[in-house]
Amino acid sequence: MTEHLSDHFRNAIISSHTLRVQDLIQSFMSFLEDELPINAPDHVKRKYEVIRSSSYVQRACDGDWSEPFADMDDATHDLLSFALEDVFIVMQGIAPEGCYFGSSEGDGACFGFWECDEED
């Protein structure tokens, strides 16, 4: 079994049209809930479990701040931003071979698994 996602996810978009931290957390955690490889590296699985157990992440996934002008205090936003950084680590840890996880060139609000240039 592989530790990475299959090539099916090469150049796959996971989230687009938003940079709101709560939207990104919701999209990425939903993806991980369905697609985290069983044989993902242990450190990736542990980090995912820590993120998933966060009450703030759970609230974001439940849509607590899904309204366009949802009231989120600065401290909560900061905590979700730190959690989002950890989610990026998990997503990068399972990226298909030869790919990275991040925003696409030319569209900073389009996140997915993109092929690495040969020079990288």
Protein backbone atom coordinates (compact mmCIF):
# COMPACT_ATOMS: atom_id res chain seq x y z
CA MET A 1 0.00 0.00 0.00
CA THR A 2 1.20 3.49 -0.75
CA GLU A 3 1.68 6.28 1.77
CA HIS A 4 0.60 8.89 -0.78
CA LEU A 5 -2.56 9.64 -2.69
CA SER A 6 -2.94 7.97 -6.07
CA ASP A 7 -2.20 9.73 -9.34
CA HIS A 8 -5.96 10.24 -9.61
CA PHE A 9 -5.38 13.33 -7.43
CA ARG A 10 -2.58 14.75 -9.60
CA ASN A 11 -3.61 18.33 -10.52
CA ALA A 12 -6.86 17.90 -8.57
CA ILE A 13 -8.51 20.99 -7.11
CA ILE A 14 -9.53 20.60 -3.47
CA SER A 15 -10.80 24.14 -2.79
CA SER A 16 -11.31 27.26 -4.89
CA HIS A 17 -12.84 30.73 -4.83
CA THR A 18 -12.11 31.45 -1.16
CA LEU A 19 -9.29 32.35 1.17
CA ARG A 20 -11.40 32.41 4.34
CA VAL A 21 -9.63 30.26 6.89
CA GLN A 22 -12.87 28.60 8.04
CA ASP A 23 -13.80 27.65 4.48
CA LEU A 24 -10.36 26.20 3.77
CA ILE A 25 -10.36 24.19 7.01
CA GLN A 26 -13.82 22.85 6.20
CA SER A 27 -12.84 21.84 2.65
CA PHE A 28 -9.49 20.30 3.52
CA MET A 29 -10.74 18.42 6.59
CA SER A 30 -13.66 17.03 4.60
CA PHE A 31 -11.20 15.85 1.96
CA LEU A 32 -8.95 14.25 4.58
CA GLU A 33 -11.89 12.53 6.27
CA ASP A 34 -12.59 10.73 2.98
CA GLU A 35 -9.14 10.34 1.45
CA LEU A 36 -6.40 10.13 4.11
CA PRO A 37 -4.45 7.01 3.08
CA ILE A 38 -4.59 4.16 5.58
CA ASN A 39 -0.82 3.77 5.29
CA ALA A 40 -0.04 7.49 5.54
CA PRO A 41 3.15 8.15 7.53
CA ASP A 42 2.58 7.93 11.29
CA HIS A 43 3.57 11.57 11.89
CA VAL A 44 0.99 12.66 9.30
CA LYS A 45 -1.77 10.56 10.88
CA ARG A 46 -0.89 11.86 14.37
CA LYS A 47 -0.97 15.48 13.20
CA TYR A 48 -4.32 14.86 11.50
CA GLU A 49 -5.78 13.42 14.71
CA VAL A 50 -4.58 16.41 16.75
CA ILE A 51 -6.10 18.83 14.24
CA ARG A 52 -9.36 16.88 14.10
CA SER A 53 -9.69 16.94 17.89
CA SER A 54 -9.49 20.75 18.07
CA SER A 55 -12.80 22.24 19.15
CA TYR A 56 -12.19 25.23 16.88
CA VAL A 57 -11.59 23.01 13.88
CA GLN A 58 -14.71 21.00 14.73
CA ARG A 59 -16.73 24.22 14.90
CA ALA A 60 -15.35 25.35 11.52
CA CYS A 61 -16.20 21.96 10.01
CA ASP A 62 -19.72 22.21 11.47
CA GLY A 63 -20.17 25.56 9.72
CA ASP A 64 -20.24 27.79 12.81
CA TRP A 65 -18.71 30.64 10.81
CA SER A 66 -20.10 29.85 7.36
CA GLU A 67 -22.12 33.05 6.98
CA PRO A 68 -20.34 35.66 4.83
CA PHE A 69 -20.01 38.12 7.73
CA ALA A 70 -19.79 35.61 10.56
CA ASP A 71 -18.51 37.10 13.79
CA MET A 72 -15.17 35.49 14.61
CA ASP A 73 -12.87 37.13 17.13
CA ASP A 74 -9.19 37.65 16.37
CA ALA A 75 -8.02 34.97 18.82
CA THR A 76 -10.24 32.34 17.20
CA HIS A 77 -9.09 33.39 13.73
CA ASP A 78 -5.46 33.06 14.86
CA LEU A 79 -6.08 29.57 16.30
CA LEU A 80 -7.73 28.45 13.06
CA SER A 81 -4.85 29.93 11.06
CA PHE A 82 -2.36 27.86 13.07
CA ALA A 83 -4.53 24.77 12.55
CA LEU A 84 -4.64 25.52 8.82
CA GLU A 85 -0.84 25.54 8.71
CA ASP A 86 -0.90 22.05 10.23
CA VAL A 87 -3.51 20.92 7.70
CA PHE A 88 -1.17 22.05 4.92
CA ILE A 89 1.57 19.84 6.44
CA VAL A 90 -0.80 16.86 6.40
CA MET A 91 -1.91 17.54 2.83
CA GLN A 92 1.70 17.88 1.68
CA GLY A 93 2.53 14.64 3.51
CA ILE A 94 0.05 12.68 1.39
CA ALA A 95 0.51 14.48 -1.94
CA PRO A 96 0.81 12.16 -4.94
CA GLU A 97 4.39 11.31 -5.91
CA GLY A 98 5.90 14.23 -7.84
CA CYS A 99 3.29 16.72 -6.58
CA TYR A 100 3.00 19.38 -3.90
CA PHE A 101 -0.05 20.75 -2.13
CA GLY A 102 -0.73 24.47 -2.40
CA SER A 103 -2.30 27.19 -4.47
CA SER A 104 -2.12 27.07 -8.23
CA GLU A 105 0.06 29.42 -10.23
CA GLY A 106 -2.03 32.40 -11.21
CA ASP A 107 -4.88 31.77 -8.75
CA GLY A 108 -3.99 32.03 -5.08
CA ALA A 109 -7.48 30.92 -4.07
CA CYS A 110 -7.32 27.61 -5.96
CA PHE A 111 -5.77 24.87 -3.82
CA GLY A 112 -4.90 21.37 -4.90
CA PHE A 113 -2.16 18.87 -5.66
CA TRP A 114 0.04 20.21 -8.45
CA GLU A 115 2.84 18.56 -10.39
CA CYS A 116 6.32 19.73 -9.42
CA ASP A 117 8.56 21.17 -12.09
CA GLU A 118 11.52 18.94 -12.88
CA GLU A 119 13.92 21.58 -11.54
CA ASP A 120 12.26 21.49 -8.08
